C-alpha atoms as a PDB file:
ATOM      1  CA  MET A   1      18.562  49.834  -0.006  1.00  0.00           C
ATOM      2  CA  ASN A   2      15.392  47.481  -0.637  1.00  0.00           C
ATOM      3  CA  SER A   3      16.441  43.670  -2.748  1.00  0.00           C
ATOM      4  CA  PRO A   4      19.006  45.452  -5.008  1.00  0.00           C
ATOM      5  CA  ILE A   5      17.635  44.526  -9.422  1.00  0.00           C
ATOM      6  CA  LEU A   6      20.108  42.761 -11.565  1.00  0.00           C
ATOM      7  CA  VAL A   7      20.147  45.673 -14.252  1.00  0.00           C
ATOM      8  CA  ALA A   8      23.368  44.526 -16.729  1.00  0.00           C
ATOM      9  CA  THR A   9      26.059  42.180 -17.047  1.00  0.00           C
ATOM     10  CA  ILE A  10      29.279  43.684 -17.728  1.00  0.00           C
ATOM     11  CA  VAL A  11      31.189  41.526 -20.380  1.00  0.00           C
ATOM     12  CA  ALA A  12      33.947  43.376 -21.958  1.00  0.00           C
ATOM     13  CA  SER A  13      36.394  46.116 -22.131  1.00  0.00           C
ATOM     14  CA  ARG A  14      35.672  48.739 -24.301  1.00  0.00           C
ATOM     15  CA  GLY A  15      38.388  52.008 -25.722  1.00  0.00           C
ATOM     16  CA  ASN A  16      41.563  52.104 -24.115  1.00  0.00           C
ATOM     17  CA  ARG A  17      40.189  54.685 -20.964  1.00  0.00           C
ATOM     18  CA  GLY A  18      38.599  51.989 -18.797  1.00  0.00           C
ATOM     19  CA  GLU A  19      35.054  52.356 -20.384  1.00  0.00           C
ATOM     20  CA  VAL A  20      33.369  48.606 -20.071  1.00  0.00           C
ATOM     21  CA  SER A  21      30.230  47.437 -22.316  1.00  0.00           C
ATOM     22  CA  ALA A  22      27.399  45.612 -20.085  1.00  0.00           C
ATOM     23  CA  ARG A  23      24.943  43.190 -21.401  1.00  0.00           C
ATOM     24  CA  CYS A  24      21.017  44.515 -20.057  1.00  0.00           C
ATOM     25  CA  ALA A  25      18.658  42.656 -18.562  1.00  0.00           C
ATOM     26  CA  GLY A  26      15.417  42.963 -19.804  1.00  0.00           C
ATOM     27  CA  GLY A  27      15.592  45.946 -22.007  1.00  0.00           C
ATOM     28  CA  PRO A  28      17.539  48.045 -24.322  1.00  0.00           C
ATOM     29  CA  PRO A  29      20.236  50.390 -22.545  1.00  0.00           C
ATOM     30  CA  GLU A  30      18.661  53.202 -23.825  1.00  0.00           C
ATOM     31  CA  ARG A  31      16.612  53.063 -20.881  1.00  0.00           C
ATOM     32  CA  LEU A  32      19.306  53.268 -17.800  1.00  0.00           C
ATOM     33  CA  LEU A  33      20.850  56.564 -19.692  1.00  0.00           C
ATOM     34  CA  LYS A  34      19.958  58.804 -16.514  1.00  0.00           C
ATOM     35  CA  VAL A  35      21.384  56.465 -13.953  1.00  0.00           C
ATOM     36  CA  GLU A  36      24.086  58.267 -12.531  1.00  0.00           C
ATOM     37  CA  GLU A  37      24.781  55.424  -9.972  1.00  0.00           C
ATOM     38  CA  VAL A  38      25.437  51.365  -9.352  1.00  0.00           C
ATOM     39  CA  PHE A  39      25.848  48.731  -7.488  1.00  0.00           C
ATOM     40  CA  LEU A  40      28.465  46.452  -8.590  1.00  0.00           C
ATOM     41  CA  GLY A  41      28.514  43.133  -7.274  1.00  0.00           C
ATOM     42  CA  GLY A  42      31.503  42.585  -5.996  1.00  0.00           C
ATOM     43  CA  ALA A  43      33.954  39.274  -7.188  1.00  0.00           C
ATOM     44  CA  GLN A  44      33.861  38.130  -3.596  1.00  0.00           C
ATOM     45  CA  GLY A  45      30.275  38.560  -3.039  1.00  0.00           C
ATOM     46  CA  GLY A  46      28.506  42.254  -1.613  1.00  0.00           C
ATOM     47  CA  LEU A  47      28.244  45.259  -3.561  1.00  0.00           C
ATOM     48  CA  GLU A  48      29.406  48.663  -3.899  1.00  0.00           C
ATOM     49  CA  ARG A  49      27.895  51.451  -4.864  1.00  0.00           C
ATOM     50  CA  VAL A  50      30.093  53.163  -7.718  1.00  0.00           C
ATOM     51  CA  PRO A  51      29.067  56.703  -9.405  1.00  0.00           C
ATOM     52  CA  LEU A  52      29.032  56.584 -13.052  1.00  0.00           C
ATOM     53  CA  LEU A  53      31.499  59.293 -14.233  1.00  0.00           C
ATOM     54  CA  ARG A  54      29.547  58.599 -18.350  1.00  0.00           C
ATOM     55  CA  ASN A  55      27.037  56.196 -19.729  1.00  0.00           C
ATOM     56  CA  TRP A  56      25.770  55.666 -23.198  1.00  0.00           C
ATOM     57  CA  ALA A  57      23.866  53.140 -25.356  1.00  0.00           C
ATOM     58  CA  HIS A  58      26.376  51.197 -28.393  1.00  0.00           C
ATOM     59  CA  LYS A  59      24.402  48.833 -30.886  1.00  0.00           C
ATOM     60  CA  GLY A  60      22.737  47.278 -28.263  1.00  0.00           C
ATOM     61  CA  ARG A  61      25.079  47.229 -25.367  1.00  0.00           C
ATOM     62  CA  TRP A  62      25.011  49.845 -22.196  1.00  0.00           C
ATOM     63  CA  ILE A  63      28.442  51.721 -22.046  1.00  0.00           C
ATOM     64  CA  LEU A  64      29.760  52.846 -18.562  1.00  0.00           C
ATOM     65  CA  GLN A  65      32.932  54.838 -17.319  1.00  0.00           C
ATOM     66  CA  PHE A  66      33.413  54.638 -13.616  1.00  0.00           C
ATOM     67  CA  PRO A  67      35.358  56.954 -12.188  1.00  0.00           C
ATOM     68  CA  GLU A  68      39.104  54.704 -10.866  1.00  0.00           C
ATOM     69  CA  VAL A  69      39.002  52.690 -14.030  1.00  0.00           C
ATOM     70  CA  GLU A  70      41.555  54.275 -15.907  1.00  0.00           C
ATOM     71  CA  SER A  71      42.918  51.502 -18.052  1.00  0.00           C
ATOM     72  CA  ILE A  72      42.247  48.534 -20.408  1.00  0.00           C
ATOM     73  CA  SER A  73      43.815  46.309 -17.962  1.00  0.00           C
ATOM     74  CA  GLN A  74      41.301  47.666 -15.044  1.00  0.00           C
ATOM     75  CA  ALA A  75      38.336  47.483 -17.446  1.00  0.00           C
ATOM     76  CA  ARG A  76      38.730  44.151 -18.347  1.00  0.00           C
ATOM     77  CA  ALA A  77      39.050  43.049 -14.544  1.00  0.00           C
ATOM     78  CA  LEU A  78      35.532  43.556 -14.384  1.00  0.00           C
ATOM     79  CA  VAL A  79      34.378  41.280 -16.949  1.00  0.00           C
ATOM     80  CA  GLY A  80      31.681  39.485 -15.284  1.00  0.00           C
ATOM     81  CA  ARG A  81      30.850  41.434 -12.661  1.00  0.00           C
ATOM     82  CA  ARG A  82      27.433  42.026 -12.322  1.00  0.00           C
ATOM     83  CA  ILE A  83      25.297  45.989 -12.020  1.00  0.00           C
ATOM     84  CA  PHE A  84      22.156  46.649  -9.338  1.00  0.00           C
ATOM     85  CA  LEU A  85      20.004  49.490  -8.796  1.00  0.00           C
ATOM     86  CA  ALA A  86      17.711  50.067  -6.053  1.00  0.00           C
ATOM     87  CA  GLU A  87      14.134  49.623  -7.016  1.00  0.00           C
ATOM     88  CA  ALA A  88      13.699  52.746  -6.361  1.00  0.00           C
ATOM     89  CA  GLU A  89      16.145  53.671  -9.098  1.00  0.00           C
ATOM     90  CA  LEU A  90      14.634  52.090 -11.818  1.00  0.00           C
ATOM     91  CA  PRO A  91      13.331  53.859 -14.720  1.00  0.00           C
ATOM     92  CA  VAL A  92       9.264  53.553 -14.792  1.00  0.00           C
ATOM     93  CA  LEU A  93       7.685  51.367 -17.456  1.00  0.00           C
ATOM     94  CA  GLN A  94       5.190  52.558 -19.873  1.00  0.00           C
ATOM     95  CA  GLU A  95       1.892  50.512 -18.756  1.00  0.00           C
ATOM     96  CA  ASP A  96       2.068  47.143 -20.554  1.00  0.00           C
ATOM     97  CA  ARG A  97       5.590  46.480 -19.718  1.00  0.00           C
ATOM     98  CA  PHE A  98       6.690  44.960 -16.717  1.00  0.00           C
ATOM     99  CA  TYR A  99      10.102  43.990 -14.640  1.00  0.00           C
ATOM    100  CA  THR A 100      10.541  40.200 -14.427  1.00  0.00           C
ATOM    101  CA  PHE A 101      11.112  40.908 -11.010  1.00  0.00           C
ATOM    102  CA  HIS A 102       7.281  41.722 -10.966  1.00  0.00           C
ATOM    103  CA  LEU A 103       6.419  38.560 -12.269  1.00  0.00           C
ATOM    104  CA  VAL A 104       8.705  36.001 -11.249  1.00  0.00           C
ATOM    105  CA  GLY A 105       6.788  33.334  -8.489  1.00  0.00           C
ATOM    106  CA  SER A 106       3.301  34.610 -10.476  1.00  0.00           C
ATOM    107  CA  THR A 107       0.977  31.799 -10.657  1.00  0.00           C
ATOM    108  CA  VAL A 108      -0.088  30.858 -14.285  1.00  0.00           C
ATOM    109  CA  LEU A 109      -3.522  30.661 -15.512  1.00  0.00           C
ATOM    110  CA  HIS A 110      -5.204  29.404 -17.899  1.00  0.00           C
ATOM    111  CA  LYS A 111      -8.290  31.834 -19.112  1.00  0.00           C
ATOM    112  CA  ASP A 112     -10.912  28.936 -17.953  1.00  0.00           C
ATOM    113  CA  GLY A 113      -9.349  29.385 -14.296  1.00  0.00           C
ATOM    114  CA  ARG A 114      -7.004  26.196 -14.209  1.00  0.00           C
ATOM    115  CA  GLU A 115      -3.263  26.374 -12.784  1.00  0.00           C
ATOM    116  CA  LEU A 116      -1.141  25.793 -15.074  1.00  0.00           C
ATOM    117  CA  GLY A 117       1.975  26.879 -13.799  1.00  0.00           C
ATOM    118  CA  LYS A 118       4.325  29.300 -12.004  1.00  0.00           C
ATOM    119  CA  VAL A 119       6.550  32.309 -13.870  1.00  0.00           C
ATOM    120  CA  LYS A 120      10.186  31.291 -13.087  1.00  0.00           C
ATOM    121  CA  ASP A 121      12.120  33.712 -15.334  1.00  0.00           C
ATOM    122  CA  SER A 122      11.908  35.827 -18.361  1.00  0.00           C
ATOM    123  CA  GLN A 123      14.035  35.414 -21.682  1.00  0.00           C
ATOM    124  CA  ALA A 124      14.466  37.790 -24.819  1.00  0.00           C
ATOM    125  CA  GLY A 125      13.662  36.823 -28.248  1.00  0.00           C
ATOM    126  CA  GLN A 126      13.954  37.662 -31.140  1.00  0.00           C
ATOM    127  CA  ALA A 127      10.525  39.138 -32.348  1.00  0.00           C
ATOM    128  CA  HIS A 128       9.364  39.249 -28.642  1.00  0.00           C
ATOM    129  CA  ASP A 129       9.945  38.094 -24.717  1.00  0.00           C
ATOM    130  CA  PHE A 130       8.944  34.881 -23.572  1.00  0.00           C
ATOM    131  CA  LEU A 131       7.701  33.988 -20.008  1.00  0.00           C
ATOM    132  CA  VAL A 132      10.141  31.096 -18.463  1.00  0.00           C
ATOM    133  CA  VAL A 133       7.367  29.279 -16.869  1.00  0.00           C
ATOM    134  CA  GLU A 134       7.132  25.951 -14.754  1.00  0.00           C
ATOM    135  CA  ARG A 135       4.842  23.481 -15.187  1.00  0.00           C
ATOM    136  CA  CYS A 136       2.616  22.067 -12.839  1.00  0.00           C
ATOM    137  CA  ASP A 137       4.147  18.607 -14.181  1.00  0.00           C
ATOM    138  CA  GLY A 138       7.816  20.315 -13.328  1.00  0.00           C
ATOM    139  CA  LEU A 139       8.786  20.557 -16.853  1.00  0.00           C
ATOM    140  CA  GLU A 140       9.590  24.578 -17.765  1.00  0.00           C
ATOM    141  CA  ALA A 141       8.267  25.856 -20.701  1.00  0.00           C
ATOM    142  CA  LEU A 142       8.308  29.302 -22.686  1.00  0.00           C
ATOM    143  CA  VAL A 143       5.025  31.100 -23.106  1.00  0.00           C
ATOM    144  CA  PRO A 144       5.471  33.652 -25.746  1.00  0.00           C
ATOM    145  CA  MET A 145       4.807  36.951 -24.685  1.00  0.00           C
ATOM    146  CA  VAL A 146       2.360  38.564 -27.603  1.00  0.00           C
ATOM    147  CA  ARG A 147      -1.072  39.712 -26.861  1.00  0.00           C
ATOM    148  CA  ALA A 148      -2.436  36.725 -28.326  1.00  0.00           C
ATOM    149  CA  ILE A 149      -1.525  34.166 -25.675  1.00  0.00           C
ATOM    150  CA  VAL A 150      -0.798  36.541 -22.576  1.00  0.00           C
ATOM    151  CA  LEU A 151      -4.406  38.005 -21.992  1.00  0.00           C
ATOM    152  CA  GLU A 152      -3.584  39.517 -18.499  1.00  0.00           C
ATOM    153  CA  ILE A 153      -1.100  40.235 -15.720  1.00  0.00           C
ATOM    154  CA  ASP A 154      -2.074  40.773 -12.480  1.00  0.00           C
ATOM    155  CA  THR A 155       1.286  41.999 -10.627  1.00  0.00           C
ATOM    156  CA  ARG A 156      -0.510  42.709  -7.674  1.00  0.00           C
ATOM    157  CA  ALA A 157      -2.726  39.681  -7.652  1.00  0.00           C
ATOM    158  CA  GLY A 158       0.512  37.770  -8.189  1.00  0.00           C
ATOM    159  CA  LYS A 159      -1.281  36.094 -11.787  1.00  0.00           C
ATOM    160  CA  VAL A 160      -0.823  35.850 -15.079  1.00  0.00           C
ATOM    161  CA  ILE A 161      -3.730  34.743 -17.782  1.00  0.00           C
ATOM    162  CA  VAL A 162      -3.088  32.853 -21.258  1.00  0.00           C
ATOM    163  CA  ASP A 163      -4.588  31.488 -23.827  1.00  0.00           C
ATOM    164  CA  PRO A 164      -1.801  29.073 -24.566  1.00  0.00           C
ATOM    165  CA  PRO A 165      -1.877  26.706 -27.908  1.00  0.00           C
ATOM    166  CA  ALA A 166      -2.862  22.942 -27.056  1.00  0.00           C
ATOM    167  CA  GLY A 167       0.062  21.328 -25.659  1.00  0.00           C
ATOM    168  CA  LEU A 168       2.718  23.891 -24.269  1.00  0.00           C
ATOM    169  CA  LEU A 169       1.480  24.283 -20.868  1.00  0.00           C
ATOM    170  CA  GLU A 170      -0.387  21.315 -20.376  1.00  0.00           C
ATOM    171  CA  GLY A 171       2.034  18.246 -21.951  1.00  0.00           C
ATOM    172  CA  GLU A 172       1.262  16.693 -25.066  1.00  0.00           C
ATOM    173  CA  PRO A 173      -2.585  17.423 -26.594  1.00  0.00           C
ATOM    174  CA  GLU A 174      -4.424  14.323 -27.204  1.00  0.00           C
ATOM    175  CA  GLU A 175      -4.466  12.259 -30.254  1.00  0.00           C
ATOM    176  CA  VAL A 176      -7.962  12.708 -32.097  1.00  0.00           C
ATOM    177  CA  ARG A 177      -9.116   9.286 -33.591  1.00  0.00           C
END
């Protein structure tokens, strides 16, 4: 397996048959419903390939049932464990959608060609997602993932072209007198 991709974190036990509830990283749980097996991060590190008996979405969470987890106490023991998939197993996204790992490390360029920073991560928001960008001055900025600001994403070239509002990626705007 290539580098495993984090897709969710188990946050709670659910029900009385050993099901767990997981918070998905970077997208709704419905995109993962065809998954038949996952890699479960071990408490001591390492990954374990685990088949799924069932999985479904409920209220924004991914609910999973593993074969050898049959009680609430066994399910509670999994809380905090992370769930990974092989990159080849990830659901195909629409043309204008990206997985965070495709963007991390990309150079963020102003539409005029100036380098403004590097993509460090992404963060979900209420209305839209944000790119977490480490600016050239070392500070972090949250760049709204909206078409008016993020003009182009080229994952092959490792660049993101933006037209940010004044001060977002370049420090405080200069005073106008």
